[in-house]
Amino acid sequence: MTARNIIGKRYKDLEVIAEAGKNKHRTRMLICRCLKCGTITEPKPYTSVVNRGITCGSPTCRYKHGESRTRLYRIWSHIKQKCFNRTDHQYKKFGALGITMCEEWDLDFRAFRDWALANGYTDEMTVSRRDKKGGYNPENCYVRPSKYPNSKESKTNE
């Protein structure tokens, strides 16, 4: 893939905005913009950005919400995987069909959490879509009782 093809692409929370030549190991270096805080990064190795999805390193983006072990975080993470991860076993039923998660939720778990809590989410609930052809966004989603309230992950294809 040439630099021309990669500029403008998103990898995790970084968007590639320019190529910065090569380092002493002849690895392509990329300049990225953080989609969370807007910080422009120092040049980072191509493989670190594309394969590992590193962050910008800004203290703002290192904020930890402390909720990565909660059921709601697992629901959010599972939705992201089936919408964006081509190797996820459910991608062909979601992402491959154009079903995505809105950018606000994709980039910020806290925005998803705040929406879910404002709509009555408890650990016995899950998030579903009204229009099964539509994506995961505040206008198309609702909170409903889960068929599997005690499971670590939803077992349905919501």
N, C-alpha and C. Protein backbone atom coordinates (compact mmCIF):
# COMPACT_ATOMS: atom_id res chain seq x y z
N MET A 1 0.85 -1.18 0.00
CA MET A 1 0.00 0.00 0.00
C MET A 1 0.89 1.24 0.00
N THR A 2 0.66 2.14 -0.87
CA THR A 2 1.47 3.35 -0.95
C THR A 2 0.97 4.39 0.04
N ALA A 3 1.80 5.36 0.31
CA ALA A 3 1.43 6.43 1.24
C ALA A 3 0.17 7.14 0.76
N ARG A 4 0.05 7.28 -0.54
CA ARG A 4 -1.12 7.95 -1.10
C ARG A 4 -2.40 7.22 -0.69
N ASN A 5 -2.34 5.91 -0.63
CA ASN A 5 -3.51 5.12 -0.26
C ASN A 5 -3.80 5.14 1.22
N ILE A 6 -2.81 5.38 2.05
CA ILE A 6 -2.99 5.29 3.49
C ILE A 6 -3.38 6.63 4.12
N ILE A 7 -3.06 7.74 3.49
CA ILE A 7 -3.39 9.05 4.05
C ILE A 7 -4.92 9.18 4.12
N GLY A 8 -5.38 9.56 5.31
CA GLY A 8 -6.82 9.68 5.55
C GLY A 8 -7.43 8.45 6.17
N LYS A 9 -6.69 7.34 6.23
CA LYS A 9 -7.21 6.10 6.83
C LYS A 9 -7.14 6.20 8.34
N ARG A 10 -8.09 5.53 9.01
CA ARG A 10 -8.15 5.49 10.47
C ARG A 10 -7.65 4.14 10.96
N TYR A 11 -6.81 4.18 11.98
CA TYR A 11 -6.33 2.98 12.65
C TYR A 11 -6.50 3.19 14.13
N LYS A 12 -7.48 2.51 14.70
CA LYS A 12 -7.86 2.68 16.09
C LYS A 12 -8.24 4.14 16.30
N ASP A 13 -7.48 4.89 17.09
CA ASP A 13 -7.81 6.29 17.37
C ASP A 13 -6.94 7.28 16.60
N LEU A 14 -6.19 6.80 15.61
CA LEU A 14 -5.31 7.68 14.84
C LEU A 14 -5.75 7.74 13.39
N GLU A 15 -5.64 8.93 12.81
CA GLU A 15 -5.87 9.12 11.38
C GLU A 15 -4.55 9.56 10.75
N VAL A 16 -4.12 8.86 9.72
CA VAL A 16 -2.87 9.18 9.05
C VAL A 16 -3.07 10.47 8.24
N ILE A 17 -2.19 11.47 8.48
CA ILE A 17 -2.32 12.73 7.74
C ILE A 17 -1.14 12.99 6.80
N ALA A 18 -0.01 12.30 7.02
CA ALA A 18 1.15 12.51 6.14
C ALA A 18 2.16 11.39 6.35
N GLU A 19 3.03 11.26 5.36
CA GLU A 19 4.16 10.35 5.51
C GLU A 19 5.38 11.20 5.80
N ALA A 20 6.26 10.72 6.70
CA ALA A 20 7.42 11.51 7.12
C ALA A 20 8.73 10.82 6.74
N GLY A 21 8.77 10.20 5.60
CA GLY A 21 10.00 9.55 5.15
C GLY A 21 10.22 8.22 5.84
N LYS A 22 11.50 7.84 5.99
CA LYS A 22 11.85 6.56 6.60
C LYS A 22 12.82 6.80 7.74
N ASN A 23 12.79 5.90 8.73
CA ASN A 23 13.74 6.01 9.83
C ASN A 23 15.03 5.28 9.47
N LYS A 24 15.96 5.17 10.43
CA LYS A 24 17.26 4.56 10.13
C LYS A 24 17.15 3.08 9.80
N HIS A 25 16.01 2.47 10.14
CA HIS A 25 15.78 1.06 9.82
C HIS A 25 15.01 0.89 8.51
N ARG A 26 14.85 1.98 7.80
CA ARG A 26 14.14 2.04 6.51
C ARG A 26 12.65 1.71 6.65
N THR A 27 12.10 2.01 7.81
CA THR A 27 10.67 1.82 8.05
C THR A 27 9.95 3.12 7.75
N ARG A 28 8.86 3.04 7.01
CA ARG A 28 8.07 4.25 6.73
C ARG A 28 7.57 4.85 8.03
N MET A 29 7.64 6.17 8.11
CA MET A 29 7.18 6.89 9.29
C MET A 29 5.93 7.69 8.91
N LEU A 30 4.95 7.67 9.80
CA LEU A 30 3.68 8.33 9.54
C LEU A 30 3.41 9.40 10.59
N ILE A 31 2.83 10.49 10.16
CA ILE A 31 2.35 11.53 11.07
C ILE A 31 0.85 11.36 11.14
N CYS A 32 0.34 11.30 12.36
CA CYS A 32 -1.09 11.03 12.55
C CYS A 32 -1.73 12.11 13.41
N ARG A 33 -3.04 12.17 13.32
CA ARG A 33 -3.84 13.05 14.19
C ARG A 33 -4.69 12.15 15.06
N CYS A 34 -4.70 12.42 16.35
CA CYS A 34 -5.51 11.65 17.27
C CYS A 34 -6.97 12.05 17.09
N LEU A 35 -7.83 11.06 16.92
CA LEU A 35 -9.25 11.34 16.72
C LEU A 35 -9.96 11.66 18.03
N LYS A 36 -9.33 11.38 19.15
CA LYS A 36 -9.94 11.69 20.45
C LYS A 36 -9.64 13.12 20.89
N CYS A 37 -8.35 13.51 20.79
CA CYS A 37 -7.97 14.81 21.35
C CYS A 37 -7.45 15.80 20.31
N GLY A 38 -7.22 15.35 19.07
CA GLY A 38 -6.77 16.25 18.02
C GLY A 38 -5.26 16.46 17.96
N THR A 39 -4.52 15.84 18.87
CA THR A 39 -3.06 15.99 18.89
C THR A 39 -2.44 15.46 17.60
N ILE A 40 -1.47 16.19 17.06
CA ILE A 40 -0.69 15.72 15.92
C ILE A 40 0.52 15.00 16.50
N THR A 41 0.74 13.75 16.09
CA THR A 41 1.80 12.94 16.66
C THR A 41 3.16 13.25 16.05
N GLU A 42 4.20 12.92 16.78
CA GLU A 42 5.54 12.84 16.21
C GLU A 42 5.49 11.69 15.22
N PRO A 43 6.40 11.63 14.26
CA PRO A 43 6.37 10.50 13.32
C PRO A 43 6.44 9.16 14.04
N LYS A 44 5.57 8.25 13.63
CA LYS A 44 5.50 6.92 14.23
C LYS A 44 5.70 5.88 13.14
N PRO A 45 6.32 4.73 13.48
CA PRO A 45 6.54 3.69 12.48
C PRO A 45 5.23 3.16 11.89
N TYR A 46 5.24 2.93 10.60
CA TYR A 46 4.07 2.42 9.86
C TYR A 46 3.47 1.20 10.55
N THR A 47 4.32 0.23 10.89
CA THR A 47 3.81 -1.02 11.47
C THR A 47 3.15 -0.79 12.83
N SER A 48 3.65 0.16 13.61
CA SER A 48 3.05 0.44 14.91
C SER A 48 1.66 1.03 14.75
N VAL A 49 1.50 1.90 13.77
CA VAL A 49 0.20 2.54 13.55
C VAL A 49 -0.80 1.55 12.95
N VAL A 50 -0.40 0.87 11.90
CA VAL A 50 -1.33 0.01 11.16
C VAL A 50 -1.60 -1.30 11.87
N ASN A 51 -0.58 -1.96 12.38
CA ASN A 51 -0.75 -3.29 12.96
C ASN A 51 -1.11 -3.28 14.43
N ARG A 52 -0.60 -2.31 15.17
CA ARG A 52 -0.82 -2.32 16.61
C ARG A 52 -1.83 -1.31 17.08
N GLY A 53 -2.16 -0.33 16.27
CA GLY A 53 -3.14 0.68 16.66
C GLY A 53 -2.73 1.46 17.90
N ILE A 54 -1.48 1.93 17.93
CA ILE A 54 -0.99 2.66 19.09
C ILE A 54 -1.75 3.97 19.25
N THR A 55 -1.64 4.57 20.42
CA THR A 55 -2.33 5.83 20.69
C THR A 55 -1.38 7.00 20.49
N CYS A 56 -1.91 8.21 20.62
CA CYS A 56 -1.08 9.40 20.42
C CYS A 56 -0.12 9.63 21.57
N GLY A 57 -0.41 9.10 22.73
CA GLY A 57 0.47 9.26 23.89
C GLY A 57 0.16 10.47 24.73
N SER A 58 -0.82 11.27 24.33
CA SER A 58 -1.20 12.46 25.08
C SER A 58 -1.80 12.06 26.43
N PRO A 59 -1.51 12.80 27.50
CA PRO A 59 -2.11 12.48 28.80
C PRO A 59 -3.64 12.47 28.75
N THR A 60 -4.23 13.29 27.90
CA THR A 60 -5.68 13.32 27.75
C THR A 60 -6.21 11.97 27.31
N CYS A 61 -5.51 11.34 26.40
CA CYS A 61 -5.98 10.07 25.85
C CYS A 61 -5.60 8.87 26.69
N ARG A 62 -4.77 9.06 27.67
CA ARG A 62 -4.41 7.95 28.54
C ARG A 62 -5.41 7.80 29.68
N TYR A 63 -6.43 8.65 29.73
CA TYR A 63 -7.45 8.57 30.77
C TYR A 63 -8.08 7.18 30.76
N LYS A 64 -8.14 6.58 31.91
CA LYS A 64 -8.74 5.26 32.02
C LYS A 64 -10.10 5.41 32.69
N HIS A 65 -11.12 4.83 32.10
CA HIS A 65 -12.46 4.93 32.66
C HIS A 65 -12.70 3.88 33.72
N GLY A 66 -11.85 2.87 33.81
CA GLY A 66 -11.98 1.84 34.85
C GLY A 66 -13.16 0.91 34.66
N GLU A 67 -13.71 0.86 33.45
CA GLU A 67 -14.91 0.05 33.24
C GLU A 67 -14.70 -1.07 32.23
N SER A 68 -13.45 -1.38 31.92
CA SER A 68 -13.20 -2.38 30.88
C SER A 68 -13.63 -3.79 31.28
N ARG A 69 -13.91 -4.01 32.54
CA ARG A 69 -14.36 -5.34 32.98
C ARG A 69 -15.86 -5.41 33.21
N THR A 70 -16.57 -4.36 32.82
CA THR A 70 -18.01 -4.35 33.04
C THR A 70 -18.75 -5.01 31.88
N ARG A 71 -19.97 -5.42 32.12
CA ARG A 71 -20.79 -6.03 31.07
C ARG A 71 -21.07 -5.03 29.95
N LEU A 72 -21.34 -3.78 30.29
CA LEU A 72 -21.63 -2.78 29.27
C LEU A 72 -20.41 -2.55 28.36
N TYR A 73 -19.22 -2.55 28.92
CA TYR A 73 -18.01 -2.40 28.10
C TYR A 73 -17.87 -3.59 27.16
N ARG A 74 -18.17 -4.81 27.63
CA ARG A 74 -18.09 -5.99 26.76
C ARG A 74 -19.11 -5.91 25.62
N ILE A 75 -20.29 -5.38 25.91
CA ILE A 75 -21.30 -5.20 24.85
C ILE A 75 -20.77 -4.22 23.81
N TRP A 76 -20.24 -3.09 24.26
CA TRP A 76 -19.68 -2.07 23.36
C TRP A 76 -18.55 -2.65 22.53
N SER A 77 -17.65 -3.34 23.17
CA SER A 77 -16.51 -3.93 22.48
C SER A 77 -16.96 -4.98 21.45
N HIS A 78 -17.94 -5.78 21.82
CA HIS A 78 -18.45 -6.81 20.90
C HIS A 78 -19.10 -6.17 19.67
N ILE A 79 -19.85 -5.09 19.87
CA ILE A 79 -20.46 -4.39 18.74
C ILE A 79 -19.36 -3.87 17.80
N LYS A 80 -18.32 -3.26 18.37
CA LYS A 80 -17.22 -2.75 17.55
C LYS A 80 -16.55 -3.88 16.77
N GLN A 81 -16.33 -5.01 17.42
CA GLN A 81 -15.66 -6.13 16.74
C GLN A 81 -16.48 -6.62 15.55
N LYS A 82 -17.77 -6.85 15.75
CA LYS A 82 -18.55 -7.40 14.65
C LYS A 82 -18.82 -6.38 13.54
N CYS A 83 -18.66 -5.09 13.85
CA CYS A 83 -18.84 -4.07 12.81
C CYS A 83 -17.55 -3.75 12.06
N PHE A 84 -16.39 -3.82 12.73
CA PHE A 84 -15.16 -3.32 12.14
C PHE A 84 -14.04 -4.35 11.97
N ASN A 85 -14.08 -5.45 12.69
CA ASN A 85 -12.99 -6.42 12.65
C ASN A 85 -13.31 -7.53 11.66
N ARG A 86 -12.63 -7.51 10.52
CA ARG A 86 -12.90 -8.49 9.45
C ARG A 86 -12.64 -9.93 9.88
N THR A 87 -11.87 -10.14 10.93
CA THR A 87 -11.61 -11.50 11.38
C THR A 87 -12.61 -11.98 12.43
N ASP A 88 -13.50 -11.12 12.88
CA ASP A 88 -14.52 -11.53 13.85
C ASP A 88 -15.51 -12.47 13.17
N HIS A 89 -15.93 -13.51 13.88
CA HIS A 89 -16.83 -14.50 13.27
C HIS A 89 -18.19 -13.95 12.88
N GLN A 90 -18.59 -12.79 13.43
CA GLN A 90 -19.88 -12.21 13.08
C GLN A 90 -19.76 -11.05 12.08
N TYR A 91 -18.55 -10.72 11.67
CA TYR A 91 -18.35 -9.60 10.75
C TYR A 91 -19.18 -9.76 9.48
N LYS A 92 -19.28 -10.96 8.95
CA LYS A 92 -20.01 -11.15 7.68
C LYS A 92 -21.49 -10.83 7.82
N LYS A 93 -22.04 -10.88 9.05
CA LYS A 93 -23.45 -10.55 9.28
C LYS A 93 -23.65 -9.08 9.62
N PHE A 94 -22.56 -8.36 9.87
CA PHE A 94 -22.67 -6.97 10.29
C PHE A 94 -21.81 -6.05 9.42
N GLY A 95 -20.53 -5.96 9.73
CA GLY A 95 -19.64 -5.04 9.01
C GLY A 95 -19.62 -5.26 7.52
N ALA A 96 -19.62 -6.51 7.10
CA ALA A 96 -19.59 -6.82 5.66
C ALA A 96 -20.86 -6.35 4.96
N LEU A 97 -21.94 -6.19 5.71
CA LEU A 97 -23.21 -5.73 5.15
C LEU A 97 -23.40 -4.22 5.30
N GLY A 98 -22.34 -3.54 5.78
CA GLY A 98 -22.41 -2.10 5.92
C GLY A 98 -22.95 -1.62 7.25
N ILE A 99 -23.16 -2.52 8.20
CA ILE A 99 -23.65 -2.13 9.52
C ILE A 99 -22.45 -1.68 10.35
N THR A 100 -22.49 -0.45 10.81
CA THR A 100 -21.38 0.12 11.56
C THR A 100 -21.87 0.70 12.88
N MET A 101 -20.94 1.21 13.65
CA MET A 101 -21.24 1.93 14.88
C MET A 101 -20.94 3.40 14.59
N CYS A 102 -21.77 4.30 15.08
CA CYS A 102 -21.54 5.73 14.84
C CYS A 102 -20.17 6.13 15.39
N GLU A 103 -19.59 7.14 14.79
CA GLU A 103 -18.23 7.57 15.15
C GLU A 103 -18.13 7.98 16.61
N GLU A 104 -19.16 8.66 17.12
CA GLU A 104 -19.12 9.11 18.51
C GLU A 104 -18.96 7.92 19.46
N TRP A 105 -19.72 6.87 19.26
CA TRP A 105 -19.62 5.68 20.12
C TRP A 105 -18.35 4.91 19.83
N ASP A 106 -17.97 4.81 18.57
CA ASP A 106 -16.78 4.07 18.19
C ASP A 106 -15.54 4.63 18.88
N LEU A 107 -15.43 5.94 18.95
CA LEU A 107 -14.25 6.58 19.50
C LEU A 107 -14.28 6.76 21.01
N ASP A 108 -15.44 6.64 21.63
CA ASP A 108 -15.53 6.97 23.04
C ASP A 108 -16.53 6.08 23.76
N PHE A 109 -16.02 5.13 24.53
CA PHE A 109 -16.89 4.25 25.31
C PHE A 109 -17.79 5.07 26.23
N ARG A 110 -17.25 6.16 26.80
CA ARG A 110 -18.03 6.96 27.74
C ARG A 110 -19.29 7.53 27.09
N ALA A 111 -19.23 7.90 25.81
CA ALA A 111 -20.43 8.40 25.13
C ALA A 111 -21.47 7.28 25.01
N PHE A 112 -21.03 6.08 24.67
CA PHE A 112 -21.93 4.92 24.59
C PHE A 112 -22.51 4.63 25.97
N ARG A 113 -21.67 4.61 27.00
CA ARG A 113 -22.11 4.35 28.37
C ARG A 113 -23.15 5.38 28.82
N ASP A 114 -22.87 6.65 28.57
CA ASP A 114 -23.80 7.70 29.00
C ASP A 114 -25.16 7.54 28.31
N TRP A 115 -25.15 7.21 27.01
CA TRP A 115 -26.40 6.99 26.29
C TRP A 115 -27.15 5.79 26.89
N ALA A 116 -26.44 4.69 27.13
CA ALA A 116 -27.08 3.48 27.66
C ALA A 116 -27.69 3.74 29.03
N LEU A 117 -26.96 4.39 29.90
CA LEU A 117 -27.48 4.66 31.25
C LEU A 117 -28.68 5.61 31.20
N ALA A 118 -28.62 6.60 30.33
CA ALA A 118 -29.74 7.54 30.19
C ALA A 118 -30.99 6.84 29.63
N ASN A 119 -30.78 5.70 28.97
CA ASN A 119 -31.91 4.95 28.39
C ASN A 119 -32.29 3.74 29.21
N GLY A 120 -31.87 3.71 30.48
CA GLY A 120 -32.33 2.69 31.41
C GLY A 120 -31.49 1.43 31.50
N TYR A 121 -30.27 1.44 30.99
CA TYR A 121 -29.44 0.24 31.03
C TYR A 121 -29.12 -0.19 32.47
N THR A 122 -29.25 -1.50 32.70
CA THR A 122 -28.73 -2.16 33.91
C THR A 122 -28.02 -3.41 33.42
N ASP A 123 -27.36 -4.13 34.31
CA ASP A 123 -26.62 -5.31 33.90
C ASP A 123 -27.51 -6.47 33.46
N GLU A 124 -28.80 -6.34 33.60
CA GLU A 124 -29.72 -7.36 33.10
C GLU A 124 -30.24 -7.00 31.70
N MET A 125 -29.71 -5.94 31.14
CA MET A 125 -30.18 -5.43 29.85
C MET A 125 -29.11 -5.60 28.79
N THR A 126 -29.49 -5.34 27.54
CA THR A 126 -28.55 -5.30 26.43
C THR A 126 -28.97 -4.20 25.47
N VAL A 127 -28.20 -3.98 24.42
CA VAL A 127 -28.48 -2.94 23.44
C VAL A 127 -28.86 -3.61 22.13
N SER A 128 -29.99 -3.20 21.55
CA SER A 128 -30.45 -3.75 20.28
C SER A 128 -30.72 -2.62 19.29
N ARG A 129 -30.89 -3.01 18.02
CA ARG A 129 -31.20 -2.04 16.97
C ARG A 129 -32.67 -2.18 16.58
N ARG A 130 -33.34 -1.05 16.36
CA ARG A 130 -34.73 -1.07 15.89
C ARG A 130 -34.78 -1.57 14.44
N ASP A 131 -34.01 -0.92 13.58
CA ASP A 131 -33.94 -1.29 12.17
C ASP A 131 -32.72 -2.18 12.00
N LYS A 132 -32.94 -3.45 11.70
CA LYS A 132 -31.84 -4.42 11.62
C LYS A 132 -30.92 -4.15 10.43
N LYS A 133 -31.32 -3.30 9.52
CA LYS A 133 -30.44 -2.93 8.40
C LYS A 133 -29.65 -1.67 8.73
N GLY A 134 -30.00 -1.01 9.83
CA GLY A 134 -29.32 0.22 10.23
C GLY A 134 -28.19 -0.06 11.19
N GLY A 135 -27.37 0.94 11.42
CA GLY A 135 -26.20 0.79 12.28
C GLY A 135 -26.50 1.02 13.74
N TYR A 136 -25.43 0.94 14.52
CA TYR A 136 -25.51 1.19 15.95
C TYR A 136 -25.28 2.67 16.19
N ASN A 137 -26.35 3.39 16.54
CA ASN A 137 -26.30 4.82 16.82
C ASN A 137 -27.48 5.16 17.72
N PRO A 138 -27.46 6.32 18.37
CA PRO A 138 -28.52 6.66 19.32
C PRO A 138 -29.92 6.66 18.72
N GLU A 139 -30.04 6.99 17.44
CA GLU A 139 -31.36 7.04 16.81
C GLU A 139 -31.92 5.65 16.51
N ASN A 140 -31.07 4.66 16.34
CA ASN A 140 -31.52 3.34 15.92
C ASN A 140 -31.44 2.29 17.03
N CYS A 141 -30.87 2.63 18.17
CA CYS A 141 -30.69 1.64 19.22
C CYS A 141 -31.62 1.88 20.40
N TYR A 142 -31.84 0.82 21.15
CA TYR A 142 -32.62 0.89 22.37
C TYR A 142 -32.09 -0.15 23.35
N VAL A 143 -32.42 0.05 24.61
CA VAL A 143 -32.00 -0.87 25.67
C VAL A 143 -33.18 -1.79 25.95
N ARG A 144 -32.91 -3.10 26.06
CA ARG A 144 -33.96 -4.07 26.34
C ARG A 144 -33.43 -5.14 27.26
N PRO A 145 -34.34 -5.89 27.91
CA PRO A 145 -33.89 -6.99 28.77
C PRO A 145 -33.10 -8.02 27.95
N SER A 146 -32.05 -8.53 28.54
CA SER A 146 -31.22 -9.52 27.88
C SER A 146 -31.81 -10.92 28.03
N LYS A 147 -31.63 -11.74 27.00
CA LYS A 147 -32.02 -13.15 27.10
C LYS A 147 -31.06 -13.90 28.00
N TYR A 148 -29.82 -13.37 28.11
CA TYR A 148 -28.76 -14.01 28.88
C TYR A 148 -28.16 -13.02 29.86
N PRO A 149 -28.90 -12.59 30.89
CA PRO A 149 -28.43 -11.51 31.76
C PRO A 149 -27.18 -11.83 32.55
N ASN A 150 -26.89 -13.09 32.82
CA ASN A 150 -25.72 -13.41 33.63
C ASN A 150 -24.50 -13.82 32.81
N SER A 151 -24.63 -13.81 31.49
CA SER A 151 -23.50 -14.22 30.68
C SER A 151 -22.51 -13.08 30.55
N LYS A 152 -21.27 -13.42 30.25
CA LYS A 152 -20.24 -12.40 30.07
C LYS A 152 -20.43 -11.68 28.74
N GLU A 153 -20.98 -12.35 27.76
CA GLU A 153 -21.19 -11.74 26.45
C GLU A 153 -22.58 -12.08 25.95
N SER A 154 -23.15 -11.17 25.21
CA SER A 154 -24.45 -11.42 24.60
C SER A 154 -24.36 -12.57 23.64
N LYS A 155 -25.33 -13.48 23.65
CA LYS A 155 -25.31 -14.62 22.75
C LYS A 155 -26.25 -14.44 21.58
N THR A 156 -26.78 -13.23 21.42
CA THR A 156 -27.72 -12.99 20.33
C THR A 156 -27.07 -12.15 19.26
N ASN A 157 -27.66 -12.14 18.10
CA ASN A 157 -27.18 -11.33 16.98
C ASN A 157 -27.98 -10.04 16.90
N GLU A 158 -27.84 -9.20 17.90
CA GLU A 158 -28.62 -7.96 17.89
C GLU A 158 -28.09 -7.03 16.88
